[in-house]
C-alpha atoms as a PDB file:
ATOM      1  CA  UNK A   1      95.502 121.011 114.639  1.00  0.00           C
ATOM      2  CA  UNK A   2      93.447 119.161 112.951  1.00  0.00           C
ATOM      3  CA  UNK A   3      94.248 117.184 109.742  1.00  0.00           C
ATOM      4  CA  UNK A   4      91.792 116.667 106.950  1.00  0.00           C
ATOM      5  CA  UNK A   5      90.267 113.806 107.035  1.00  0.00           C
ATOM      6  CA  UNK A   6      89.998 111.606 103.800  1.00  0.00           C
ATOM      7  CA  UNK A   7      85.989 112.054 102.293  1.00  0.00           C
ATOM      8  CA  UNK A   8      84.464 108.714 100.879  1.00  0.00           C
ATOM      9  CA  UNK A   9      85.477 109.075  97.251  1.00  0.00           C
ATOM     10  CA  UNK A  10      88.962 109.482  98.319  1.00  0.00           C
ATOM     11  CA  UNK A  11      89.095 106.555 100.614  1.00  0.00           C
ATOM     12  CA  UNK A  12      87.271 104.089  98.234  1.00  0.00           C
ATOM     13  CA  UNK A  13      90.077 105.066  95.397  1.00  0.00           C
ATOM     14  CA  UNK A  14      92.674 104.169  98.090  1.00  0.00           C
ATOM     15  CA  UNK A  15      91.553 100.935  98.428  1.00  0.00           C
ATOM     16  CA  UNK A  16      90.954 100.479  94.852  1.00  0.00           C
ATOM     17  CA  UNK A  17      94.242 101.071  94.081  1.00  0.00           C
ATOM     18  CA  UNK A  18      95.377  98.774  97.160  1.00  0.00           C
ATOM     19  CA  UNK A  19      93.150  96.450  97.352  1.00  0.00           C
ATOM     20  CA  UNK A  20      95.256  94.357  99.947  1.00  0.00           C
ATOM     21  CA  UNK A  21      94.254  96.990 102.715  1.00  0.00           C
ATOM     22  CA  UNK A  22      90.973  96.822 104.831  1.00  0.00           C
ATOM     23  CA  UNK A  23      89.177  99.215 106.979  1.00  0.00           C
ATOM     24  CA  UNK A  24      89.234  98.656 110.415  1.00  0.00           C
ATOM     25  CA  UNK A  25      87.893 100.536 113.327  1.00  0.00           C
ATOM     26  CA  UNK A  26      84.476 101.493 112.072  1.00  0.00           C
ATOM     27  CA  UNK A  27      86.394 103.399 108.948  1.00  0.00           C
ATOM     28  CA  UNK A  28      88.954 105.159 110.878  1.00  0.00           C
ATOM     29  CA  UNK A  29      91.674 102.952 109.716  1.00  0.00           C
ATOM     30  CA  UNK A  30      93.322 100.887 107.474  1.00  0.00           C
ATOM     31  CA  UNK A  31      94.955  97.299 108.191  1.00  0.00           C
ATOM     32  CA  UNK A  32      96.934  94.794 106.202  1.00  0.00           C
ATOM     33  CA  UNK A  33      98.723  91.418 106.938  1.00  0.00           C
ATOM     34  CA  UNK A  34     102.600  90.680 105.207  1.00  0.00           C
ATOM     35  CA  UNK A  35     103.632  87.402 105.725  1.00  0.00           C
ATOM     36  CA  UNK A  36     107.452  86.652 105.040  1.00  0.00           C
ATOM     37  CA  UNK A  37     109.558  83.545 104.843  1.00  0.00           C
ATOM     38  CA  UNK A  38     111.148  84.065 108.309  1.00  0.00           C
ATOM     39  CA  UNK A  39     111.845  86.183 111.348  1.00  0.00           C
ATOM     40  CA  UNK A  40     114.860  87.810 109.313  1.00  0.00           C
ATOM     41  CA  UNK A  41     112.611  88.872 106.465  1.00  0.00           C
ATOM     42  CA  UNK A  42     109.857  90.346 108.328  1.00  0.00           C
ATOM     43  CA  UNK A  43     112.376  92.500 110.498  1.00  0.00           C
ATOM     44  CA  UNK A  44     113.662  93.748 107.519  1.00  0.00           C
ATOM     45  CA  UNK A  45     110.373  94.854 106.167  1.00  0.00           C
ATOM     46  CA  UNK A  46     109.912  96.345 109.172  1.00  0.00           C
ATOM     47  CA  UNK A  47     113.346  98.447 109.306  1.00  0.00           C
ATOM     48  CA  UNK A  48     112.402  99.250 105.927  1.00  0.00           C
ATOM     49  CA  UNK A  49     108.995 100.587 106.777  1.00  0.00           C
ATOM     50  CA  UNK A  50     110.424 102.481 110.033  1.00  0.00           C
ATOM     51  CA  UNK A  51     112.722 104.409 107.854  1.00  0.00           C
ATOM     52  CA  UNK A  52     109.972 105.636 105.650  1.00  0.00           C
ATOM     53  CA  UNK A  53     107.713 106.354 108.545  1.00  0.00           C
ATOM     54  CA  UNK A  54     110.232 108.848 109.619  1.00  0.00           C
ATOM     55  CA  UNK A  55     110.597 110.353 106.132  1.00  0.00           C
ATOM     56  CA  UNK A  56     106.872 110.799 106.343  1.00  0.00           C
ATOM     57  CA  UNK A  57     106.557 111.799 109.659  1.00  0.00           C
ATOM     58  CA  UNK A  58     103.721 109.664 109.913  1.00  0.00           C
ATOM     59  CA  UNK A  59     104.001 106.252 112.274  1.00  0.00           C
ATOM     60  CA  UNK A  60     102.182 102.763 111.813  1.00  0.00           C
ATOM     61  CA  UNK A  61     100.628 100.566 114.852  1.00  0.00           C
ATOM     62  CA  UNK A  62     102.158  97.344 114.464  1.00  0.00           C
ATOM     63  CA  UNK A  63     102.467  93.724 115.494  1.00  0.00           C
ATOM     64  CA  UNK A  64     104.833  91.176 114.629  1.00  0.00           C
ATOM     65  CA  UNK A  65     105.424  87.550 115.164  1.00  0.00           C
ATOM     66  CA  UNK A  66     108.005  85.234 113.640  1.00  0.00           C
ATOM     67  CA  UNK A  67     107.027  85.771 109.772  1.00  0.00           C
ATOM     68  CA  UNK A  68     104.310  88.014 110.202  1.00  0.00           C
ATOM     69  CA  UNK A  69     103.743  91.644 110.305  1.00  0.00           C
ATOM     70  CA  UNK A  70     100.079  93.568 110.898  1.00  0.00           C
ATOM     71  CA  UNK A  71     100.341  97.339 110.245  1.00  0.00           C
ATOM     72  CA  UNK A  72      97.404  99.364 111.019  1.00  0.00           C
ATOM     73  CA  UNK A  73      97.464 102.918 109.611  1.00  0.00           C
ATOM     74  CA  UNK A  74      95.627 105.955 110.775  1.00  0.00           C
ATOM     75  CA  UNK A  75      95.990 109.853 111.830  1.00  0.00           C
ATOM     76  CA  UNK A  76      95.217 110.421 115.286  1.00  0.00           C
ATOM     77  CA  UNK A  77      95.199 114.400 114.386  1.00  0.00           C
ATOM     78  CA  UNK A  78      92.437 113.557 112.115  1.00  0.00           C
ATOM     79  CA  UNK A  79      89.785 113.264 114.465  1.00  0.00           C
ATOM     80  CA  UNK A  80      91.853 112.790 118.076  1.00  0.00           C
ATOM     81  CA  UNK A  81      88.152 112.512 119.964  1.00  0.00           C
ATOM     82  CA  UNK A  82      87.761 109.654 118.205  1.00  0.00           C
ATOM     83  CA  UNK A  83      91.013 108.101 118.121  1.00  0.00           C
ATOM     84  CA  UNK A  84      91.910 108.994 114.581  1.00  0.00           C
ATOM     85  CA  UNK A  85      90.861 108.914 110.690  1.00  0.00           C
ATOM     86  CA  UNK A  86      92.226 108.830 107.411  1.00  0.00           C
ATOM     87  CA  UNK A  87      93.864 111.142 105.959  1.00  0.00           C
ATOM     88  CA  UNK A  88      96.504 112.151 103.225  1.00  0.00           C
ATOM     89  CA  UNK A  89      98.767 110.884 105.382  1.00  0.00           C
ATOM     90  CA  UNK A  90      97.706 107.215 105.501  1.00  0.00           C
ATOM     91  CA  UNK A  91      96.967 107.332 101.715  1.00  0.00           C
ATOM     92  CA  UNK A  92     100.874 108.205 101.183  1.00  0.00           C
ATOM     93  CA  UNK A  93     102.057 105.576 103.669  1.00  0.00           C
ATOM     94  CA  UNK A  94      99.536 103.060 102.024  1.00  0.00           C
ATOM     95  CA  UNK A  95     101.641 103.233  98.778  1.00  0.00           C
ATOM     96  CA  UNK A  96     104.788 103.556  99.972  1.00  0.00           C
ATOM     97  CA  UNK A  97     104.336 100.396 102.100  1.00  0.00           C
ATOM     98  CA  UNK A  98     102.862  98.702  99.250  1.00  0.00           C
ATOM     99  CA  UNK A  99     106.457  99.920  96.888  1.00  0.00           C
ATOM    100  CA  UNK A 100     108.523  97.554  99.230  1.00  0.00           C
ATOM    101  CA  UNK A 101     106.657  94.333  98.549  1.00  0.00           C
END
């Protein structure tokens, strides 16, 4: 099942509203780094994002070292042949994650 991709206008509007996120993977994903005071704060943030991801049924790719959490979002079902593309699922997750910080 293919998920509709965001068009250029929708993608640009998402990035304008959430300027800390940047395009990645030749425009097929967005990414952002978060820095916290310590590991416990970073882990707490990751726990909150995990709960959001479950409720949205859309899970991030992420990396954590001590106080830093890097998140990449893409919708694999939007363009499976190319590893994913941006969709409404990503736009909703970006907004939900940003609301946590």
